């Protein structure tokens, strides 16, 4: 539902590395999950704010931005824009610039969480 926050869980949301860094004047890390939603009818693409990333380690849920998390389940909160188009859409999680397989969502209904 537009204007709400959902949780999305899956593997490798933080990618395999921080991507790039050199010296003391550049830190362009990409080890955080991006979420984008593609409306299937209009093909409009929206990026969503993600925050409060956690990882399950040894049965405990911890705040984490660690990379190369392997089989550990990573969860992130996703803020659905209030002005997003309604209708059938595809949700993608992007890590290190690489999108996940699409997950079908219907914008306008109220899901509580998604698991990849």
N, C-alpha and C. Protein backbone atom coordinates (compact mmCIF):
# COMPACT_ATOMS: atom_id res chain seq x y z
N UNK A 1 0.85 -1.17 0.00
CA UNK A 1 0.00 0.00 0.00
C UNK A 1 0.90 1.24 0.00
N UNK A 2 0.61 2.21 -0.84
CA UNK A 2 1.43 3.42 -0.89
C UNK A 2 1.51 4.10 0.48
N UNK A 3 2.67 4.64 0.79
CA UNK A 3 2.86 5.36 2.04
C UNK A 3 3.11 4.48 3.24
N UNK A 4 3.32 3.19 3.04
CA UNK A 4 3.57 2.28 4.16
C UNK A 4 5.00 1.75 4.10
N UNK A 5 5.37 1.04 5.14
CA UNK A 5 6.67 0.39 5.20
C UNK A 5 6.46 -1.11 5.27
N UNK A 6 7.20 -1.84 4.43
CA UNK A 6 7.14 -3.30 4.44
C UNK A 6 8.53 -3.83 4.77
N UNK A 7 8.61 -5.11 5.10
CA UNK A 7 9.90 -5.76 5.28
C UNK A 7 10.12 -6.75 4.15
N UNK A 8 11.36 -6.78 3.66
CA UNK A 8 11.75 -7.71 2.61
C UNK A 8 12.94 -8.49 3.14
N UNK A 9 12.91 -9.81 2.99
CA UNK A 9 13.99 -10.67 3.47
C UNK A 9 14.52 -11.53 2.34
N UNK A 10 15.81 -11.84 2.41
CA UNK A 10 16.42 -12.69 1.41
C UNK A 10 17.90 -12.88 1.69
N UNK A 11 18.62 -13.31 0.67
CA UNK A 11 20.05 -13.59 0.80
C UNK A 11 20.87 -12.59 0.01
N UNK A 12 22.06 -12.27 0.52
CA UNK A 12 23.05 -11.45 -0.18
C UNK A 12 22.57 -10.03 -0.51
N UNK A 13 21.66 -9.48 0.29
CA UNK A 13 21.17 -8.11 0.04
C UNK A 13 22.29 -7.08 0.09
N UNK A 14 23.36 -7.37 0.81
CA UNK A 14 24.45 -6.41 0.94
C UNK A 14 25.58 -6.68 -0.04
N UNK A 15 25.36 -7.57 -0.98
CA UNK A 15 26.35 -7.85 -2.01
C UNK A 15 27.55 -8.62 -1.49
N UNK A 16 28.55 -8.73 -2.35
CA UNK A 16 29.75 -9.49 -2.02
C UNK A 16 30.92 -8.62 -1.60
N UNK A 17 30.82 -7.31 -1.81
CA UNK A 17 31.90 -6.40 -1.42
C UNK A 17 31.33 -5.00 -1.25
N UNK A 18 32.16 -4.08 -0.78
CA UNK A 18 31.74 -2.68 -0.71
C UNK A 18 31.94 -2.00 -2.05
N UNK A 19 32.48 -2.72 -3.01
CA UNK A 19 32.67 -2.30 -4.39
C UNK A 19 33.96 -1.53 -4.59
N UNK A 20 34.07 -0.27 -4.16
CA UNK A 20 35.28 0.49 -4.45
C UNK A 20 35.68 1.36 -3.27
N UNK A 21 36.96 1.58 -3.17
CA UNK A 21 37.52 2.52 -2.20
C UNK A 21 38.98 2.71 -2.54
N UNK A 22 39.49 3.90 -2.35
CA UNK A 22 40.92 4.12 -2.52
C UNK A 22 41.36 5.28 -1.66
N UNK A 23 42.56 5.14 -1.15
CA UNK A 23 43.13 6.21 -0.35
C UNK A 23 42.21 6.66 0.77
N UNK A 24 42.29 7.95 1.06
CA UNK A 24 41.45 8.51 2.11
C UNK A 24 40.45 9.52 1.56
N UNK A 25 40.26 9.53 0.23
CA UNK A 25 39.38 10.55 -0.33
C UNK A 25 38.22 10.00 -1.15
N UNK A 26 37.98 8.68 -1.10
CA UNK A 26 36.83 8.14 -1.83
C UNK A 26 36.32 6.88 -1.16
N UNK A 27 35.07 6.90 -0.80
CA UNK A 27 34.39 5.74 -0.25
C UNK A 27 33.03 5.66 -0.94
N UNK A 28 32.94 4.88 -1.98
CA UNK A 28 31.70 4.79 -2.76
C UNK A 28 31.06 3.42 -2.59
N UNK A 29 30.82 3.05 -1.34
CA UNK A 29 30.32 1.72 -1.03
C UNK A 29 28.96 1.46 -1.68
N UNK A 30 28.76 0.23 -2.10
CA UNK A 30 27.48 -0.20 -2.67
C UNK A 30 26.91 -1.38 -1.90
N UNK A 31 27.35 -1.57 -0.66
CA UNK A 31 26.92 -2.73 0.11
C UNK A 31 25.64 -2.46 0.90
N UNK A 32 24.69 -1.85 0.27
CA UNK A 32 23.39 -1.65 0.90
C UNK A 32 22.33 -1.97 -0.14
N UNK A 33 21.21 -2.56 0.29
CA UNK A 33 20.20 -2.96 -0.69
C UNK A 33 19.39 -1.77 -1.19
N UNK A 34 19.22 -1.71 -2.49
CA UNK A 34 18.28 -0.78 -3.11
C UNK A 34 17.04 -1.58 -3.48
N UNK A 35 15.89 -0.98 -3.40
CA UNK A 35 14.65 -1.63 -3.84
C UNK A 35 14.01 -0.75 -4.89
N UNK A 36 13.64 -1.37 -6.00
CA UNK A 36 12.94 -0.64 -7.05
C UNK A 36 11.69 -1.41 -7.43
N UNK A 37 10.67 -0.65 -7.84
CA UNK A 37 9.39 -1.24 -8.22
C UNK A 37 9.04 -0.77 -9.62
N UNK A 38 8.76 -1.73 -10.49
CA UNK A 38 8.42 -1.46 -11.88
C UNK A 38 6.94 -1.75 -12.09
N UNK A 39 6.17 -0.72 -12.46
CA UNK A 39 4.75 -0.89 -12.76
C UNK A 39 4.64 -1.62 -14.10
N UNK A 40 3.91 -2.74 -14.11
CA UNK A 40 3.84 -3.58 -15.31
C UNK A 40 3.05 -2.94 -16.45
N UNK A 41 2.12 -2.05 -16.15
CA UNK A 41 1.32 -1.44 -17.20
C UNK A 41 2.02 -0.22 -17.81
N UNK A 42 2.52 0.67 -16.97
CA UNK A 42 3.11 1.92 -17.47
C UNK A 42 4.62 1.81 -17.71
N UNK A 43 5.25 0.77 -17.13
CA UNK A 43 6.71 0.62 -17.16
C UNK A 43 7.45 1.73 -16.42
N UNK A 44 6.75 2.45 -15.54
CA UNK A 44 7.41 3.46 -14.70
C UNK A 44 8.16 2.75 -13.58
N UNK A 45 9.37 3.22 -13.32
CA UNK A 45 10.24 2.61 -12.32
C UNK A 45 10.42 3.57 -11.15
N UNK A 46 10.22 3.08 -9.93
CA UNK A 46 10.40 3.89 -8.72
C UNK A 46 11.39 3.21 -7.80
N UNK A 47 12.30 3.99 -7.24
CA UNK A 47 13.20 3.49 -6.21
C UNK A 47 12.60 3.82 -4.85
N UNK A 48 12.79 2.92 -3.89
CA UNK A 48 12.22 3.07 -2.55
C UNK A 48 13.33 3.20 -1.52
N UNK A 49 13.06 3.96 -0.48
CA UNK A 49 14.01 4.10 0.63
C UNK A 49 14.10 2.77 1.38
N UNK A 50 15.32 2.33 1.69
CA UNK A 50 15.53 1.15 2.53
C UNK A 50 16.27 1.59 3.79
N UNK A 51 15.98 0.90 4.90
CA UNK A 51 16.60 1.28 6.17
C UNK A 51 16.48 0.15 7.19
N UNK A 52 17.23 0.27 8.28
CA UNK A 52 17.22 -0.71 9.38
C UNK A 52 17.48 -2.13 8.87
N UNK A 53 18.63 -2.33 8.25
CA UNK A 53 19.01 -3.64 7.72
C UNK A 53 19.46 -4.54 8.87
N UNK A 54 19.03 -5.80 8.86
CA UNK A 54 19.44 -6.76 9.88
C UNK A 54 19.86 -8.06 9.21
N UNK A 55 20.65 -8.84 9.94
CA UNK A 55 21.10 -10.15 9.49
C UNK A 55 20.88 -11.13 10.63
N UNK A 56 20.47 -12.36 10.30
CA UNK A 56 20.33 -13.40 11.30
C UNK A 56 21.64 -14.17 11.35
N UNK A 57 22.29 -14.15 12.52
CA UNK A 57 23.57 -14.83 12.72
C UNK A 57 23.45 -15.72 13.96
N UNK A 58 23.63 -17.01 13.78
CA UNK A 58 23.55 -17.93 14.91
C UNK A 58 22.22 -17.88 15.63
N UNK A 59 21.15 -17.64 14.89
CA UNK A 59 19.82 -17.57 15.48
C UNK A 59 19.47 -16.22 16.07
N UNK A 60 20.42 -15.29 16.08
CA UNK A 60 20.18 -13.95 16.62
C UNK A 60 20.08 -12.93 15.50
N UNK A 61 19.14 -12.01 15.61
CA UNK A 61 18.98 -10.94 14.63
C UNK A 61 19.79 -9.74 15.11
N UNK A 62 20.72 -9.28 14.24
CA UNK A 62 21.58 -8.17 14.61
C UNK A 62 21.54 -7.10 13.52
N UNK A 63 21.66 -5.81 13.90
CA UNK A 63 21.80 -4.76 12.88
C UNK A 63 23.09 -5.02 12.12
N UNK A 64 23.03 -4.98 10.80
CA UNK A 64 24.23 -5.34 10.05
C UNK A 64 24.24 -4.76 8.65
N UNK A 65 25.42 -4.32 8.23
CA UNK A 65 25.67 -3.94 6.84
C UNK A 65 26.82 -4.78 6.30
N UNK A 66 27.05 -5.95 6.92
CA UNK A 66 28.15 -6.81 6.51
C UNK A 66 27.98 -7.29 5.08
N UNK A 67 29.09 -7.57 4.43
CA UNK A 67 29.07 -8.05 3.05
C UNK A 67 29.33 -9.55 3.02
N UNK A 68 29.01 -10.17 1.88
CA UNK A 68 29.24 -11.61 1.68
C UNK A 68 28.64 -12.40 2.84
N UNK A 69 27.35 -12.21 3.09
CA UNK A 69 26.67 -12.82 4.23
C UNK A 69 26.28 -14.27 3.99
N UNK A 70 26.56 -14.80 2.80
CA UNK A 70 26.32 -16.22 2.52
C UNK A 70 24.86 -16.60 2.67
N UNK A 71 24.61 -17.63 3.49
CA UNK A 71 23.25 -18.15 3.67
C UNK A 71 22.49 -17.44 4.78
N UNK A 72 23.07 -16.41 5.38
CA UNK A 72 22.38 -15.66 6.44
C UNK A 72 21.24 -14.85 5.83
N UNK A 73 20.10 -14.88 6.49
CA UNK A 73 18.94 -14.12 6.02
C UNK A 73 19.12 -12.65 6.38
N UNK A 74 18.99 -11.79 5.38
CA UNK A 74 19.09 -10.34 5.56
C UNK A 74 17.69 -9.77 5.38
N UNK A 75 17.31 -8.85 6.26
CA UNK A 75 16.00 -8.20 6.19
C UNK A 75 16.21 -6.70 6.14
N UNK A 76 15.41 -6.02 5.34
CA UNK A 76 15.46 -4.57 5.29
C UNK A 76 14.03 -4.03 5.28
N UNK A 77 13.86 -2.85 5.84
CA UNK A 77 12.59 -2.15 5.76
C UNK A 77 12.57 -1.34 4.47
N UNK A 78 11.42 -1.33 3.82
CA UNK A 78 11.25 -0.63 2.54
C UNK A 78 10.07 0.32 2.66
N UNK A 79 10.33 1.59 2.39
CA UNK A 79 9.27 2.61 2.43
C UNK A 79 8.67 2.72 1.03
N UNK A 80 7.39 2.38 0.90
CA UNK A 80 6.70 2.48 -0.38
C UNK A 80 6.27 3.94 -0.57
N UNK A 81 6.70 4.58 -1.66
CA UNK A 81 6.35 6.00 -1.86
C UNK A 81 4.83 6.22 -1.83
N UNK A 82 4.42 7.30 -1.20
CA UNK A 82 2.99 7.61 -1.10
C UNK A 82 2.35 7.86 -2.46
N UNK A 83 3.15 8.32 -3.43
CA UNK A 83 2.59 8.66 -4.74
C UNK A 83 2.91 7.61 -5.82
N UNK A 84 3.22 6.39 -5.41
CA UNK A 84 3.53 5.34 -6.38
C UNK A 84 2.25 4.92 -7.12
N UNK A 85 2.41 4.53 -8.37
CA UNK A 85 1.26 4.08 -9.16
C UNK A 85 0.71 2.77 -8.61
N UNK A 86 -0.61 2.65 -8.64
CA UNK A 86 -1.26 1.42 -8.20
C UNK A 86 -1.24 0.39 -9.31
N UNK A 87 -1.37 -0.86 -8.93
CA UNK A 87 -1.49 -1.93 -9.92
C UNK A 87 -0.40 -2.97 -9.79
N UNK A 88 -0.47 -3.95 -10.69
CA UNK A 88 0.50 -5.03 -10.69
C UNK A 88 1.88 -4.51 -11.03
N UNK A 89 2.86 -4.93 -10.25
CA UNK A 89 4.22 -4.43 -10.38
C UNK A 89 5.21 -5.54 -10.10
N UNK A 90 6.47 -5.27 -10.40
CA UNK A 90 7.57 -6.17 -10.06
C UNK A 90 8.50 -5.45 -9.10
N UNK A 91 8.87 -6.13 -8.01
CA UNK A 91 9.79 -5.58 -7.02
C UNK A 91 11.15 -6.26 -7.21
N UNK A 92 12.21 -5.46 -7.22
CA UNK A 92 13.58 -5.97 -7.35
C UNK A 92 14.40 -5.46 -6.18
N UNK A 93 15.28 -6.30 -5.65
CA UNK A 93 16.29 -5.86 -4.70
C UNK A 93 17.60 -5.80 -5.47
N UNK A 94 18.31 -4.69 -5.37
CA UNK A 94 19.55 -4.49 -6.12
C UNK A 94 20.72 -4.44 -5.14
N UNK A 95 21.72 -5.30 -5.35
CA UNK A 95 22.93 -5.31 -4.52
C UNK A 95 24.14 -5.21 -5.44
N UNK A 96 25.05 -4.31 -5.14
CA UNK A 96 26.25 -4.09 -5.97
C UNK A 96 25.87 -3.85 -7.43
N UNK A 97 24.73 -3.21 -7.66
CA UNK A 97 24.30 -2.90 -9.02
C UNK A 97 23.64 -4.05 -9.75
N UNK A 98 23.47 -5.19 -9.10
CA UNK A 98 22.89 -6.37 -9.74
C UNK A 98 21.49 -6.59 -9.18
N UNK A 99 20.45 -6.55 -10.05
CA UNK A 99 19.08 -6.74 -9.56
C UNK A 99 18.76 -8.21 -9.31
N UNK A 100 17.88 -8.44 -8.35
CA UNK A 100 17.36 -9.78 -8.10
C UNK A 100 16.39 -10.17 -9.21
N UNK A 101 15.93 -11.39 -9.15
CA UNK A 101 14.81 -11.79 -9.99
C UNK A 101 13.59 -10.98 -9.53
N UNK A 102 12.64 -10.70 -10.43
CA UNK A 102 11.47 -9.92 -10.02
C UNK A 102 10.57 -10.70 -9.07
N UNK A 103 9.96 -9.97 -8.15
CA UNK A 103 8.96 -10.52 -7.24
C UNK A 103 7.67 -9.79 -7.52
N UNK A 104 6.62 -10.52 -7.91
CA UNK A 104 5.35 -9.89 -8.26
C UNK A 104 4.67 -9.31 -7.02
N UNK A 105 4.27 -8.05 -7.11
CA UNK A 105 3.53 -7.38 -6.04
C UNK A 105 2.36 -6.64 -6.65
N UNK A 106 1.33 -6.44 -5.85
CA UNK A 106 0.17 -5.65 -6.27
C UNK A 106 0.14 -4.40 -5.40
N UNK A 107 0.48 -3.27 -5.95
CA UNK A 107 0.47 -2.02 -5.19
C UNK A 107 -0.98 -1.60 -5.00
N UNK A 108 -1.34 -1.39 -3.75
CA UNK A 108 -2.72 -1.04 -3.42
C UNK A 108 -3.26 -1.99 -2.37
N UNK A 109 -2.69 -3.19 -2.31
CA UNK A 109 -3.00 -4.13 -1.24
C UNK A 109 -1.94 -3.96 -0.17
N UNK A 110 -2.21 -4.43 1.02
CA UNK A 110 -1.29 -4.19 2.13
C UNK A 110 -0.54 -5.46 2.54
N UNK A 111 0.64 -5.74 1.94
CA UNK A 111 1.45 -6.86 2.41
C UNK A 111 2.21 -6.47 3.67
N UNK A 112 2.46 -7.44 4.54
CA UNK A 112 3.23 -7.12 5.74
C UNK A 112 4.70 -7.45 5.57
N UNK A 113 5.01 -8.46 4.75
CA UNK A 113 6.42 -8.77 4.49
C UNK A 113 6.53 -9.61 3.24
N UNK A 114 7.71 -9.59 2.65
CA UNK A 114 8.01 -10.38 1.46
C UNK A 114 9.26 -11.17 1.74
N UNK A 115 9.28 -12.42 1.30
CA UNK A 115 10.46 -13.26 1.49
C UNK A 115 10.90 -13.77 0.14
N UNK A 116 12.17 -13.55 -0.21
CA UNK A 116 12.72 -14.05 -1.48
C UNK A 116 13.31 -15.40 -1.25
